[in-house]
């Protein structure tokens, strides 16, 4: 405890900010064995799933069909971020768990 007391009060917030920002940093490196074009999602390939029930098996099939790395399920009346990720497939479904929309965002 005595050791912390000797650290100036301004240093602790500065360290906290530095650690927080470093957690957000990216290396810019791609996953091994992939290129940016391989990771791009192709929504057209997922259009045939519209009208089907949203299940884990369908999610796996959607990822395989579209080439996306990430799948984001969007329940009814939900807010989602508007950030664009070329490797993400977003699937919206209704109250009956029926897929309404498939998009790459």
C-alpha atoms as a PDB file:
ATOM      1  CA  UNK A   1       0.000   0.000   0.000  1.00  0.00           C
ATOM      2  CA  UNK A   2       2.766   2.392   0.857  1.00  0.00           C
ATOM      3  CA  UNK A   3       4.227   1.916  -2.606  1.00  0.00           C
ATOM      4  CA  UNK A   4       1.009   3.133  -4.318  1.00  0.00           C
ATOM      5  CA  UNK A   5       0.896   6.184  -2.117  1.00  0.00           C
ATOM      6  CA  UNK A   6       4.229   7.339  -3.548  1.00  0.00           C
ATOM      7  CA  UNK A   7       2.912   7.357  -7.160  1.00  0.00           C
ATOM      8  CA  UNK A   8       1.752  10.847  -8.169  1.00  0.00           C
ATOM      9  CA  UNK A   9      -2.036  11.132  -8.484  1.00  0.00           C
ATOM     10  CA  UNK A  10      -1.813  12.161 -12.157  1.00  0.00           C
ATOM     11  CA  UNK A  11       0.119   8.984 -13.092  1.00  0.00           C
ATOM     12  CA  UNK A  12      -2.647   6.515 -12.189  1.00  0.00           C
ATOM     13  CA  UNK A  13      -5.273   8.042 -14.550  1.00  0.00           C
ATOM     14  CA  UNK A  14      -2.644   8.321 -17.299  1.00  0.00           C
ATOM     15  CA  UNK A  15      -1.749   4.649 -16.936  1.00  0.00           C
ATOM     16  CA  UNK A  16      -5.431   3.690 -16.965  1.00  0.00           C
ATOM     17  CA  UNK A  17      -6.038   5.637 -20.188  1.00  0.00           C
ATOM     18  CA  UNK A  18      -2.948   4.153 -21.843  1.00  0.00           C
ATOM     19  CA  UNK A  19      -3.988   0.600 -20.963  1.00  0.00           C
ATOM     20  CA  UNK A  20      -7.532   1.181 -22.163  1.00  0.00           C
ATOM     21  CA  UNK A  21      -6.392   2.562 -25.522  1.00  0.00           C
ATOM     22  CA  UNK A  22      -3.856  -0.203 -26.035  1.00  0.00           C
ATOM     23  CA  UNK A  23      -6.661  -2.761 -25.658  1.00  0.00           C
ATOM     24  CA  UNK A  24      -8.383  -1.158 -28.671  1.00  0.00           C
ATOM     25  CA  UNK A  25      -5.303  -1.221 -30.888  1.00  0.00           C
ATOM     26  CA  UNK A  26      -5.092  -3.639 -33.799  1.00  0.00           C
ATOM     27  CA  UNK A  27      -2.006  -5.055 -35.390  1.00  0.00           C
ATOM     28  CA  UNK A  28      -3.343  -4.846 -38.929  1.00  0.00           C
ATOM     29  CA  UNK A  29      -2.277  -8.444 -39.534  1.00  0.00           C
ATOM     30  CA  UNK A  30      -4.668 -10.815 -41.237  1.00  0.00           C
ATOM     31  CA  UNK A  31      -5.412 -14.263 -39.911  1.00  0.00           C
ATOM     32  CA  UNK A  32      -2.993 -16.878 -41.222  1.00  0.00           C
ATOM     33  CA  UNK A  33      -4.007 -18.346 -44.555  1.00  0.00           C
ATOM     34  CA  UNK A  34      -6.496 -15.639 -45.428  1.00  0.00           C
ATOM     35  CA  UNK A  35      -6.478 -12.589 -47.599  1.00  0.00           C
ATOM     36  CA  UNK A  36      -8.836  -9.604 -47.479  1.00  0.00           C
ATOM     37  CA  UNK A  37     -10.674 -10.806 -50.583  1.00  0.00           C
ATOM     38  CA  UNK A  38     -11.220 -14.262 -49.075  1.00  0.00           C
ATOM     39  CA  UNK A  39     -12.736 -12.705 -45.960  1.00  0.00           C
ATOM     40  CA  UNK A  40     -15.265 -10.567 -47.790  1.00  0.00           C
ATOM     41  CA  UNK A  41     -18.887 -11.472 -47.245  1.00  0.00           C
ATOM     42  CA  UNK A  42     -21.110 -12.062 -50.269  1.00  0.00           C
ATOM     43  CA  UNK A  43     -24.727 -11.399 -49.242  1.00  0.00           C
ATOM     44  CA  UNK A  44     -26.235 -12.607 -52.537  1.00  0.00           C
ATOM     45  CA  UNK A  45     -25.251 -16.163 -51.607  1.00  0.00           C
ATOM     46  CA  UNK A  46     -27.275 -15.851 -48.383  1.00  0.00           C
ATOM     47  CA  UNK A  47     -30.496 -14.552 -49.947  1.00  0.00           C
ATOM     48  CA  UNK A  48     -31.814 -18.090 -50.390  1.00  0.00           C
ATOM     49  CA  UNK A  49     -31.969 -18.407 -46.578  1.00  0.00           C
ATOM     50  CA  UNK A  50     -34.574 -15.644 -46.242  1.00  0.00           C
ATOM     51  CA  UNK A  51     -37.801 -17.246 -45.015  1.00  0.00           C
ATOM     52  CA  UNK A  52     -36.034 -20.080 -43.169  1.00  0.00           C
ATOM     53  CA  UNK A  53     -35.946 -20.483 -39.390  1.00  0.00           C
ATOM     54  CA  UNK A  54     -32.948 -18.905 -37.663  1.00  0.00           C
ATOM     55  CA  UNK A  55     -31.031 -21.818 -36.121  1.00  0.00           C
ATOM     56  CA  UNK A  56     -27.434 -22.639 -35.358  1.00  0.00           C
ATOM     57  CA  UNK A  57     -27.302 -25.011 -38.306  1.00  0.00           C
ATOM     58  CA  UNK A  58     -28.635 -22.334 -40.651  1.00  0.00           C
ATOM     59  CA  UNK A  59     -26.091 -19.879 -39.230  1.00  0.00           C
ATOM     60  CA  UNK A  60     -23.270 -22.289 -40.019  1.00  0.00           C
ATOM     61  CA  UNK A  61     -24.625 -22.783 -43.540  1.00  0.00           C
ATOM     62  CA  UNK A  62     -24.908 -19.004 -43.997  1.00  0.00           C
ATOM     63  CA  UNK A  63     -21.280 -18.477 -43.009  1.00  0.00           C
ATOM     64  CA  UNK A  64     -20.156 -21.177 -45.410  1.00  0.00           C
ATOM     65  CA  UNK A  65     -22.329 -19.902 -48.282  1.00  0.00           C
ATOM     66  CA  UNK A  66     -21.384 -16.239 -47.934  1.00  0.00           C
ATOM     67  CA  UNK A  67     -17.721 -16.579 -47.029  1.00  0.00           C
ATOM     68  CA  UNK A  68     -18.173 -14.355 -43.974  1.00  0.00           C
ATOM     69  CA  UNK A  69     -15.999 -14.872 -40.902  1.00  0.00           C
ATOM     70  CA  UNK A  70     -18.464 -13.426 -38.411  1.00  0.00           C
ATOM     71  CA  UNK A  71     -22.219 -13.885 -38.073  1.00  0.00           C
ATOM     72  CA  UNK A  72     -24.367 -11.316 -36.277  1.00  0.00           C
ATOM     73  CA  UNK A  73     -27.952 -12.296 -35.446  1.00  0.00           C
ATOM     74  CA  UNK A  74     -30.296  -9.320 -35.085  1.00  0.00           C
ATOM     75  CA  UNK A  75     -33.475  -9.997 -33.095  1.00  0.00           C
ATOM     76  CA  UNK A  76     -36.634  -7.954 -33.713  1.00  0.00           C
ATOM     77  CA  UNK A  77     -36.637  -4.383 -32.408  1.00  0.00           C
ATOM     78  CA  UNK A  78     -32.901  -4.432 -31.679  1.00  0.00           C
ATOM     79  CA  UNK A  79     -30.375  -1.679 -32.194  1.00  0.00           C
ATOM     80  CA  UNK A  80     -27.061  -2.601 -33.800  1.00  0.00           C
ATOM     81  CA  UNK A  81     -23.880  -0.717 -34.535  1.00  0.00           C
ATOM     82  CA  UNK A  82     -23.542   0.819 -37.978  1.00  0.00           C
ATOM     83  CA  UNK A  83     -19.832   0.100 -38.356  1.00  0.00           C
ATOM     84  CA  UNK A  84     -18.935  -1.651 -41.593  1.00  0.00           C
ATOM     85  CA  UNK A  85     -17.002  -4.906 -41.536  1.00  0.00           C
ATOM     86  CA  UNK A  86     -16.521  -6.626 -44.890  1.00  0.00           C
ATOM     87  CA  UNK A  87     -16.136 -10.001 -43.193  1.00  0.00           C
ATOM     88  CA  UNK A  88     -19.403  -9.863 -41.189  1.00  0.00           C
ATOM     89  CA  UNK A  89     -22.807 -11.253 -42.145  1.00  0.00           C
ATOM     90  CA  UNK A  90     -25.800  -9.670 -40.413  1.00  0.00           C
ATOM     91  CA  UNK A  91     -28.987 -11.725 -40.281  1.00  0.00           C
ATOM     92  CA  UNK A  92     -32.248 -10.139 -39.104  1.00  0.00           C
ATOM     93  CA  UNK A  93     -35.161 -12.313 -38.028  1.00  0.00           C
ATOM     94  CA  UNK A  94     -38.724 -11.762 -36.814  1.00  0.00           C
ATOM     95  CA  UNK A  95     -40.586 -12.789 -33.640  1.00  0.00           C
ATOM     96  CA  UNK A  96     -41.140 -16.275 -35.079  1.00  0.00           C
ATOM     97  CA  UNK A  97     -37.383 -16.708 -35.670  1.00  0.00           C
ATOM     98  CA  UNK A  98     -37.860 -16.470 -39.448  1.00  0.00           C
ATOM     99  CA  UNK A  99     -35.002 -14.815 -41.327  1.00  0.00           C
ATOM    100  CA  UNK A 100     -36.153 -11.542 -42.904  1.00  0.00           C
ATOM    101  CA  UNK A 101     -32.911 -10.027 -44.197  1.00  0.00           C
ATOM    102  CA  UNK A 102     -29.309 -10.990 -44.886  1.00  0.00           C
ATOM    103  CA  UNK A 103     -26.646  -8.332 -45.414  1.00  0.00           C
ATOM    104  CA  UNK A 104     -22.905  -7.915 -45.249  1.00  0.00           C
ATOM    105  CA  UNK A 105     -22.196  -5.135 -42.766  1.00  0.00           C
END
